[in-house]
Amino acid sequence: MLFFTGLAHAEYYKVFITRVSNDLYRTSEGIYIQTQYCYQYVYGENAILNYSQYNAYGNQLIFQNNQTCTVKSVFR
């Protein structure tokens, strides 16, 4: 399960994601991750979400092939 804390530092979350459309991924928990210029075509793959709710700089999605994409937002 994916939880977000109220801390100001980035947290790492293990997520199972599927690409929904351009720059949009969905986790198995129904959470959406909006990226920027992300061209990773994954359909059911583990990834790492590096995310801070209060500091958007450095938010990224890290794929199994070690490619990263900038995360713009995370929402339900």
PDB file of N, CA and C in Angstrom:
ATOM      1  N   MET A   1       0.841  -1.167   0.000  1.00  0.00           N
ATOM      2  CA  MET A   1       0.000   0.000   0.000  1.00  0.00           C
ATOM      3  C   MET A   1       0.890   1.235   0.000  1.00  0.00           C
ATOM      4  N   LEU A   2       0.442   2.289  -0.629  1.00  0.00           N
ATOM      5  CA  LEU A   2       1.211   3.512  -0.785  1.00  0.00           C
ATOM      6  C   LEU A   2       0.690   4.562   0.174  1.00  0.00           C
ATOM      7  N   PHE A   3       1.566   5.077   1.022  1.00  0.00           N
ATOM      8  CA  PHE A   3       1.189   6.113   1.980  1.00  0.00           C
ATOM      9  C   PHE A   3       2.085   7.322   1.800  1.00  0.00           C
ATOM     10  N   PHE A   4       1.541   8.496   1.982  1.00  0.00           N
ATOM     11  CA  PHE A   4       2.322   9.722   1.935  1.00  0.00           C
ATOM     12  C   PHE A   4       2.347  10.326   3.321  1.00  0.00           C
ATOM     13  N   THR A   5       3.514  10.745   3.742  1.00  0.00           N
ATOM     14  CA  THR A   5       3.653  11.342   5.063  1.00  0.00           C
ATOM     15  C   THR A   5       3.703  12.851   4.943  1.00  0.00           C
ATOM     16  N   GLY A   6       3.585  13.540   6.044  1.00  0.00           N
ATOM     17  CA  GLY A   6       3.616  14.989   6.061  1.00  0.00           C
ATOM     18  C   GLY A   6       5.010  15.560   6.200  1.00  0.00           C
ATOM     19  N   LEU A   7       6.023  14.759   6.011  1.00  0.00           N
ATOM     20  CA  LEU A   7       7.385  15.238   6.151  1.00  0.00           C
ATOM     21  C   LEU A   7       7.824  15.984   4.903  1.00  0.00           C
ATOM     22  N   ALA A   8       8.768  16.898   5.065  1.00  0.00           N
ATOM     23  CA  ALA A   8       9.205  17.741   3.962  1.00  0.00           C
ATOM     24  C   ALA A   8      10.271  17.080   3.102  1.00  0.00           C
ATOM     25  N   HIS A   9      10.791  15.951   3.489  1.00  0.00           N
ATOM     26  CA  HIS A   9      11.826  15.306   2.684  1.00  0.00           C
ATOM     27  C   HIS A   9      11.211  14.237   1.786  1.00  0.00           C
ATOM     28  N   ALA A  10      11.968  13.866   0.761  1.00  0.00           N
ATOM     29  CA  ALA A  10      11.473  12.883  -0.200  1.00  0.00           C
ATOM     30  C   ALA A  10      11.387  11.502   0.430  1.00  0.00           C
ATOM     31  N   GLU A  11      10.399  10.768   0.019  1.00  0.00           N
ATOM     32  CA  GLU A  11      10.199   9.393   0.453  1.00  0.00           C
ATOM     33  C   GLU A  11      10.306   8.492  -0.776  1.00  0.00           C
ATOM     34  N   TYR A  12      10.718   7.269  -0.551  1.00  0.00           N
ATOM     35  CA  TYR A  12      10.802   6.275  -1.616  1.00  0.00           C
ATOM     36  C   TYR A  12       9.691   5.253  -1.425  1.00  0.00           C
ATOM     37  N   TYR A  13       8.988   4.945  -2.520  1.00  0.00           N
ATOM     38  CA  TYR A  13       7.882   4.003  -2.484  1.00  0.00           C
ATOM     39  C   TYR A  13       8.068   2.968  -3.587  1.00  0.00           C
ATOM     40  N   LYS A  14       7.917   1.715  -3.255  1.00  0.00           N
ATOM     41  CA  LYS A  14       7.920   0.668  -4.264  1.00  0.00           C
ATOM     42  C   LYS A  14       6.512   0.613  -4.839  1.00  0.00           C
ATOM     43  N   VAL A  15       6.395   0.750  -6.155  1.00  0.00           N
ATOM     44  CA  VAL A  15       5.092   0.774  -6.811  1.00  0.00           C
ATOM     45  C   VAL A  15       5.081  -0.228  -7.969  1.00  0.00           C
ATOM     46  N   PHE A  16       3.909  -0.721  -8.281  1.00  0.00           N
ATOM     47  CA  PHE A  16       3.693  -1.597  -9.434  1.00  0.00           C
ATOM     48  C   PHE A  16       2.866  -0.783 -10.411  1.00  0.00           C
ATOM     49  N   ILE A  17       3.458  -0.410 -11.560  1.00  0.00           N
ATOM     50  CA  ILE A  17       2.825   0.573 -12.437  1.00  0.00           C
ATOM     51  C   ILE A  17       2.521   0.037 -13.828  1.00  0.00           C
ATOM     52  N   THR A  18       1.565   0.722 -14.448  1.00  0.00           N
ATOM     53  CA  THR A  18       1.188   0.485 -15.836  1.00  0.00           C
ATOM     54  C   THR A  18       1.023   1.841 -16.504  1.00  0.00           C
ATOM     55  N   ARG A  19       1.526   1.955 -17.720  1.00  0.00           N
ATOM     56  CA  ARG A  19       1.357   3.200 -18.477  1.00  0.00           C
ATOM     57  C   ARG A  19      -0.091   3.283 -18.951  1.00  0.00           C
ATOM     58  N   VAL A  20      -0.743   4.406 -18.674  1.00  0.00           N
ATOM     59  CA  VAL A  20      -2.136   4.623 -19.060  1.00  0.00           C
ATOM     60  C   VAL A  20      -2.203   5.412 -20.361  1.00  0.00           C
ATOM     61  N   SER A  21      -1.398   6.468 -20.456  1.00  0.00           N
ATOM     62  CA  SER A  21      -1.325   7.298 -21.657  1.00  0.00           C
ATOM     63  C   SER A  21      -0.034   8.104 -21.585  1.00  0.00           C
ATOM     64  N   ASN A  22       0.123   9.049 -22.506  1.00  0.00           N
ATOM     65  CA  ASN A  22       1.328   9.878 -22.498  1.00  0.00           C
ATOM     66  C   ASN A  22       1.509  10.531 -21.139  1.00  0.00           C
ATOM     67  N   ASP A  23       2.664  10.291 -20.529  1.00  0.00           N
ATOM     68  CA  ASP A  23       3.024  10.905 -19.250  1.00  0.00           C
ATOM     69  C   ASP A  23       2.044  10.610 -18.121  1.00  0.00           C
ATOM     70  N   LEU A  24       1.381   9.485 -18.172  1.00  0.00           N
ATOM     71  CA  LEU A  24       0.478   9.109 -17.090  1.00  0.00           C
ATOM     72  C   LEU A  24       0.596   7.613 -16.804  1.00  0.00           C
ATOM     73  N   TYR A  25       0.868   7.306 -15.538  1.00  0.00           N
ATOM     74  CA  TYR A  25       1.017   5.926 -15.079  1.00  0.00           C
ATOM     75  C   TYR A  25       0.057   5.696 -13.921  1.00  0.00           C
ATOM     76  N   ARG A  26      -0.400   4.448 -13.760  1.00  0.00           N
ATOM     77  CA  ARG A  26      -1.303   4.093 -12.672  1.00  0.00           C
ATOM     78  C   ARG A  26      -0.661   2.973 -11.865  1.00  0.00           C
ATOM     79  N   THR A  27      -0.739   3.098 -10.537  1.00  0.00           N
ATOM     80  CA  THR A  27      -0.224   2.036  -9.676  1.00  0.00           C
ATOM     81  C   THR A  27      -1.303   0.982  -9.473  1.00  0.00           C
ATOM     82  N   SER A  28      -0.901  -0.150  -8.938  1.00  0.00           N
ATOM     83  CA  SER A  28      -1.869  -1.214  -8.657  1.00  0.00           C
ATOM     84  C   SER A  28      -2.850  -0.807  -7.567  1.00  0.00           C
ATOM     85  N   GLU A  29      -2.525   0.257  -6.791  1.00  0.00           N
ATOM     86  CA  GLU A  29      -3.427   0.764  -5.751  1.00  0.00           C
ATOM     87  C   GLU A  29      -4.383   1.834  -6.273  1.00  0.00           C
ATOM     88  N   GLY A  30      -4.307   2.149  -7.578  1.00  0.00           N
ATOM     89  CA  GLY A  30      -5.204   3.139  -8.162  1.00  0.00           C
ATOM     90  C   GLY A  30      -4.721   4.567  -8.044  1.00  0.00           C
ATOM     91  N   ILE A  31      -3.455   4.761  -7.750  1.00  0.00           N
ATOM     92  CA  ILE A  31      -2.876   6.099  -7.664  1.00  0.00           C
ATOM     93  C   ILE A  31      -2.247   6.430  -9.009  1.00  0.00           C
ATOM     94  N   TYR A  32      -2.450   7.660  -9.471  1.00  0.00           N
ATOM     95  CA  TYR A  32      -1.920   8.091 -10.759  1.00  0.00           C
ATOM     96  C   TYR A  32      -0.661   8.921 -10.552  1.00  0.00           C
ATOM     97  N   ILE A  33       0.297   8.705 -11.439  1.00  0.00           N
ATOM     98  CA  ILE A  33       1.565   9.428 -11.408  1.00  0.00           C
ATOM     99  C   ILE A  33       1.708  10.136 -12.745  1.00  0.00           C
ATOM    100  N   GLN A  34       1.705  11.471 -12.707  1.00  0.00           N
ATOM    101  CA  GLN A  34       1.866  12.260 -13.924  1.00  0.00           C
ATOM    102  C   GLN A  34       3.334  12.619 -14.071  1.00  0.00           C
ATOM    103  N   THR A  35       3.899  12.302 -15.237  1.00  0.00           N
ATOM    104  CA  THR A  35       5.308  12.562 -15.490  1.00  0.00           C
ATOM    105  C   THR A  35       5.462  13.659 -16.534  1.00  0.00           C
ATOM    106  N   GLN A  36       6.711  13.972 -16.849  1.00  0.00           N
ATOM    107  CA  GLN A  36       6.997  14.990 -17.853  1.00  0.00           C
ATOM    108  C   GLN A  36       7.995  14.418 -18.851  1.00  0.00           C
ATOM    109  N   TYR A  37       7.603  14.338 -20.112  1.00  0.00           N
ATOM    110  CA  TYR A  37       8.452  13.823 -21.190  1.00  0.00           C
ATOM    111  C   TYR A  37       8.978  12.425 -20.888  1.00  0.00           C
ATOM    112  N   CYS A  38       8.103  11.545 -20.454  1.00  0.00           N
ATOM    113  CA  CYS A  38       8.496  10.182 -20.084  1.00  0.00           C
ATOM    114  C   CYS A  38       8.084   9.215 -21.191  1.00  0.00           C
ATOM    115  N   TYR A  39       9.040   8.474 -21.696  1.00  0.00           N
ATOM    116  CA  TYR A  39       8.789   7.570 -22.813  1.00  0.00           C
ATOM    117  C   TYR A  39       9.043   6.116 -22.439  1.00  0.00           C
ATOM    118  N   GLN A  40       8.750   5.766 -21.203  1.00  0.00           N
ATOM    119  CA  GLN A  40       8.892   4.386 -20.742  1.00  0.00           C
ATOM    120  C   GLN A  40       7.549   3.682 -20.924  1.00  0.00           C
ATOM    121  N   TYR A  41       7.542   2.645 -21.738  1.00  0.00           N
ATOM    122  CA  TYR A  41       6.317   1.908 -22.036  1.00  0.00           C
ATOM    123  C   TYR A  41       6.280   0.657 -21.172  1.00  0.00           C
ATOM    124  N   VAL A  42       5.681   0.778 -19.997  1.00  0.00           N
ATOM    125  CA  VAL A  42       5.618  -0.343 -19.057  1.00  0.00           C
ATOM    126  C   VAL A  42       4.162  -0.732 -18.820  1.00  0.00           C
ATOM    127  N   TYR A  43       3.946  -2.019 -18.742  1.00  0.00           N
ATOM    128  CA  TYR A  43       2.596  -2.545 -18.534  1.00  0.00           C
ATOM    129  C   TYR A  43       2.668  -3.628 -17.469  1.00  0.00           C
ATOM    130  N   GLY A  44       2.679  -3.190 -16.217  1.00  0.00           N
ATOM    131  CA  GLY A  44       2.787  -4.105 -15.099  1.00  0.00           C
ATOM    132  C   GLY A  44       4.235  -4.355 -14.735  1.00  0.00           C
ATOM    133  N   GLU A  45       4.854  -3.375 -14.120  1.00  0.00           N
ATOM    134  CA  GLU A  45       6.272  -3.466 -13.766  1.00  0.00           C
ATOM    135  C   GLU A  45       6.512  -2.782 -12.431  1.00  0.00           C
ATOM    136  N   ASN A  46       7.427  -3.332 -11.651  1.00  0.00           N
ATOM    137  CA  ASN A  46       7.825  -2.680 -10.407  1.00  0.00           C
ATOM    138  C   ASN A  46       8.678  -1.464 -10.725  1.00  0.00           C
ATOM    139  N   ALA A  47       8.526  -0.433  -9.922  1.00  0.00           N
ATOM    140  CA  ALA A  47       9.313   0.787 -10.066  1.00  0.00           C
ATOM    141  C   ALA A  47       9.447   1.421  -8.681  1.00  0.00           C
ATOM    142  N   ILE A  48      10.279   2.433  -8.600  1.00  0.00           N
ATOM    143  CA  ILE A  48      10.461   3.188  -7.362  1.00  0.00           C
ATOM    144  C   ILE A  48       9.996   4.618  -7.608  1.00  0.00           C
ATOM    145  N   LEU A  49       9.138   5.103  -6.732  1.00  0.00           N
ATOM    146  CA  LEU A  49       8.684   6.488  -6.777  1.00  0.00           C
ATOM    147  C   LEU A  49       9.428   7.259  -5.699  1.00  0.00           C
ATOM    148  N   ASN A  50      10.206   8.242  -6.111  1.00  0.00           N
ATOM    149  CA  ASN A  50      10.907   9.146  -5.203  1.00  0.00           C
ATOM    150  C   ASN A  50      10.073  10.421  -5.189  1.00  0.00           C
ATOM    151  N   TYR A  51       9.399  10.689  -4.066  1.00  0.00           N
ATOM    152  CA  TYR A  51       8.394  11.754  -4.069  1.00  0.00           C
ATOM    153  C   TYR A  51       8.361  12.523  -2.763  1.00  0.00           C
ATOM    154  N   SER A  52       8.285  13.844  -2.889  1.00  0.00           N
ATOM    155  CA  SER A  52       8.049  14.727  -1.758  1.00  0.00           C
ATOM    156  C   SER A  52       6.859  15.603  -2.104  1.00  0.00           C
ATOM    157  N   GLN A  53       5.884  15.609  -1.253  1.00  0.00           N
ATOM    158  CA  GLN A  53       4.664  16.388  -1.484  1.00  0.00           C
ATOM    159  C   GLN A  53       4.940  17.891  -1.438  1.00  0.00           C
ATOM    160  N   TYR A  54       5.970  18.306  -0.718  1.00  0.00           N
ATOM    161  CA  TYR A  54       6.220  19.726  -0.489  1.00  0.00           C
ATOM    162  C   TYR A  54       7.374  20.283  -1.296  1.00  0.00           C
ATOM    163  N   ASN A  55       8.161  19.436  -1.937  1.00  0.00           N
ATOM    164  CA  ASN A  55       9.298  19.894  -2.718  1.00  0.00           C
ATOM    165  C   ASN A  55       9.312  19.109  -4.018  1.00  0.00           C
ATOM    166  N   ALA A  56       8.782  19.688  -5.078  1.00  0.00           N
ATOM    167  CA  ALA A  56       8.648  18.977  -6.347  1.00  0.00           C
ATOM    168  C   ALA A  56       9.987  18.719  -7.018  1.00  0.00           C
ATOM    169  N   TYR A  57      11.011  19.480  -6.671  1.00  0.00           N
ATOM    170  CA  TYR A  57      12.322  19.283  -7.282  1.00  0.00           C
ATOM    171  C   TYR A  57      12.879  17.919  -6.885  1.00  0.00           C
ATOM    172  N   GLY A  58      13.227  17.126  -7.851  1.00  0.00           N
ATOM    173  CA  GLY A  58      13.797  15.814  -7.569  1.00  0.00           C
ATOM    174  C   GLY A  58      12.793  14.684  -7.532  1.00  0.00           C
ATOM    175  N   ASN A  59      11.502  14.986  -7.652  1.00  0.00           N
ATOM    176  CA  ASN A  59      10.509  13.912  -7.702  1.00  0.00           C
ATOM    177  C   ASN A  59      10.713  13.123  -8.989  1.00  0.00           C
ATOM    178  N   GLN A  60      10.839  11.800  -8.859  1.00  0.00           N
ATOM    179  CA  GLN A  60      11.067  11.005 -10.054  1.00  0.00           C
ATOM    180  C   GLN A  60      10.559   9.581  -9.903  1.00  0.00           C
ATOM    181  N   LEU A  61      10.340   8.984 -11.044  1.00  0.00           N
ATOM    182  CA  LEU A  61       9.939   7.596 -11.145  1.00  0.00           C
ATOM    183  C   LEU A  61      11.138   6.843 -11.707  1.00  0.00           C
ATOM    184  N   ILE A  62      11.575   5.801 -11.001  1.00  0.00           N
ATOM    185  CA  ILE A  62      12.761   5.047 -11.395  1.00  0.00           C
ATOM    186  C   ILE A  62      12.306   3.658 -11.837  1.00  0.00           C
ATOM    187  N   PHE A  63      12.600   3.327 -13.079  1.00  0.00           N
ATOM    188  CA  PHE A  63      12.149   2.073 -13.670  1.00  0.00           C
ATOM    189  C   PHE A  63      13.184   0.966 -13.475  1.00  0.00           C
ATOM    190  N   GLN A  64      12.784  -0.274 -13.753  1.00  0.00           N
ATOM    191  CA  GLN A  64      13.671  -1.423 -13.573  1.00  0.00           C
ATOM    192  C   GLN A  64      14.917  -1.347 -14.444  1.00  0.00           C
ATOM    193  N   ASN A  65      14.833  -0.665 -15.584  1.00  0.00           N
ATOM    194  CA  ASN A  65      15.992  -0.529 -16.467  1.00  0.00           C
ATOM    195  C   ASN A  65      16.877   0.660 -16.070  1.00  0.00           C
ATOM    196  N   ASN A  66      16.628   1.223 -14.878  1.00  0.00           N
ATOM    197  CA  ASN A  66      17.365   2.359 -14.306  1.00  0.00           C
ATOM    198  C   ASN A  66      17.122   3.683 -15.021  1.00  0.00           C
ATOM    199  N   GLN A  67      16.170   3.743 -15.930  1.00  0.00           N
ATOM    200  CA  GLN A  67      15.776   5.009 -16.534  1.00  0.00           C
ATOM    201  C   GLN A  67      14.905   5.765 -15.534  1.00  0.00           C
ATOM    202  N   THR A  68      14.984   7.078 -15.557  1.00  0.00           N
ATOM    203  CA  THR A  68      14.180   7.892 -14.648  1.00  0.00           C
ATOM    204  C   THR A  68      13.337   8.890 -15.432  1.00  0.00           C
ATOM    205  N   CYS A  69      12.218   9.272 -14.843  1.00  0.00           N
ATOM    206  CA  CYS A  69      11.349  10.296 -15.413  1.00  0.00           C
ATOM    207  C   CYS A  69      10.962  11.268 -14.308  1.00  0.00           C
ATOM    208  N   THR A  70      10.867  12.522 -14.663  1.00  0.00           N
ATOM    209  CA  THR A  70      10.445  13.558 -13.731  1.00  0.00           C
ATOM    210  C   THR A  70       8.961  13.397 -13.423  1.00  0.00           C
ATOM    211  N   VAL A  71       8.612  13.465 -12.138  1.00  0.00           N
ATOM    212  CA  VAL A  71       7.217  13.360 -11.703  1.00  0.00           C
ATOM    213  C   VAL A  71       6.672  14.761 -11.452  1.00  0.00           C
ATOM    214  N   LYS A  72       5.565  15.096 -12.118  1.00  0.00           N
ATOM    215  CA  LYS A  72       4.919  16.396 -11.933  1.00  0.00           C
ATOM    216  C   LYS A  72       3.910  16.370 -10.801  1.00  0.00           C
ATOM    217  N   SER A  73       3.128  15.270 -10.705  1.00  0.00           N
ATOM    218  CA  SER A  73       2.125  15.180  -9.646  1.00  0.00           C
ATOM    219  C   SER A  73       1.736  13.728  -9.404  1.00  0.00           C
ATOM    220  N   VAL A  74       1.134  13.520  -8.234  1.00  0.00           N
ATOM    221  CA  VAL A  74       0.622  12.213  -7.833  1.00  0.00           C
ATOM    222  C   VAL A  74      -0.783  12.450  -7.294  1.00  0.00           C
ATOM    223  N   PHE A  75      -1.758  11.680  -7.785  1.00  0.00           N
ATOM    224  CA  PHE A  75      -3.144  11.904  -7.368  1.00  0.00           C
ATOM    225  C   PHE A  75      -3.956  10.625  -7.488  1.00  0.00           C
ATOM    226  N   ARG A  76      -5.151  10.646  -6.904  1.00  0.00           N
ATOM    227  CA  ARG A  76      -6.095   9.513  -7.002  1.00  0.00           C
ATOM    228  C   ARG A  76      -7.100   9.784  -8.080  1.00  0.00           C
TER     229      ARG A  76
END
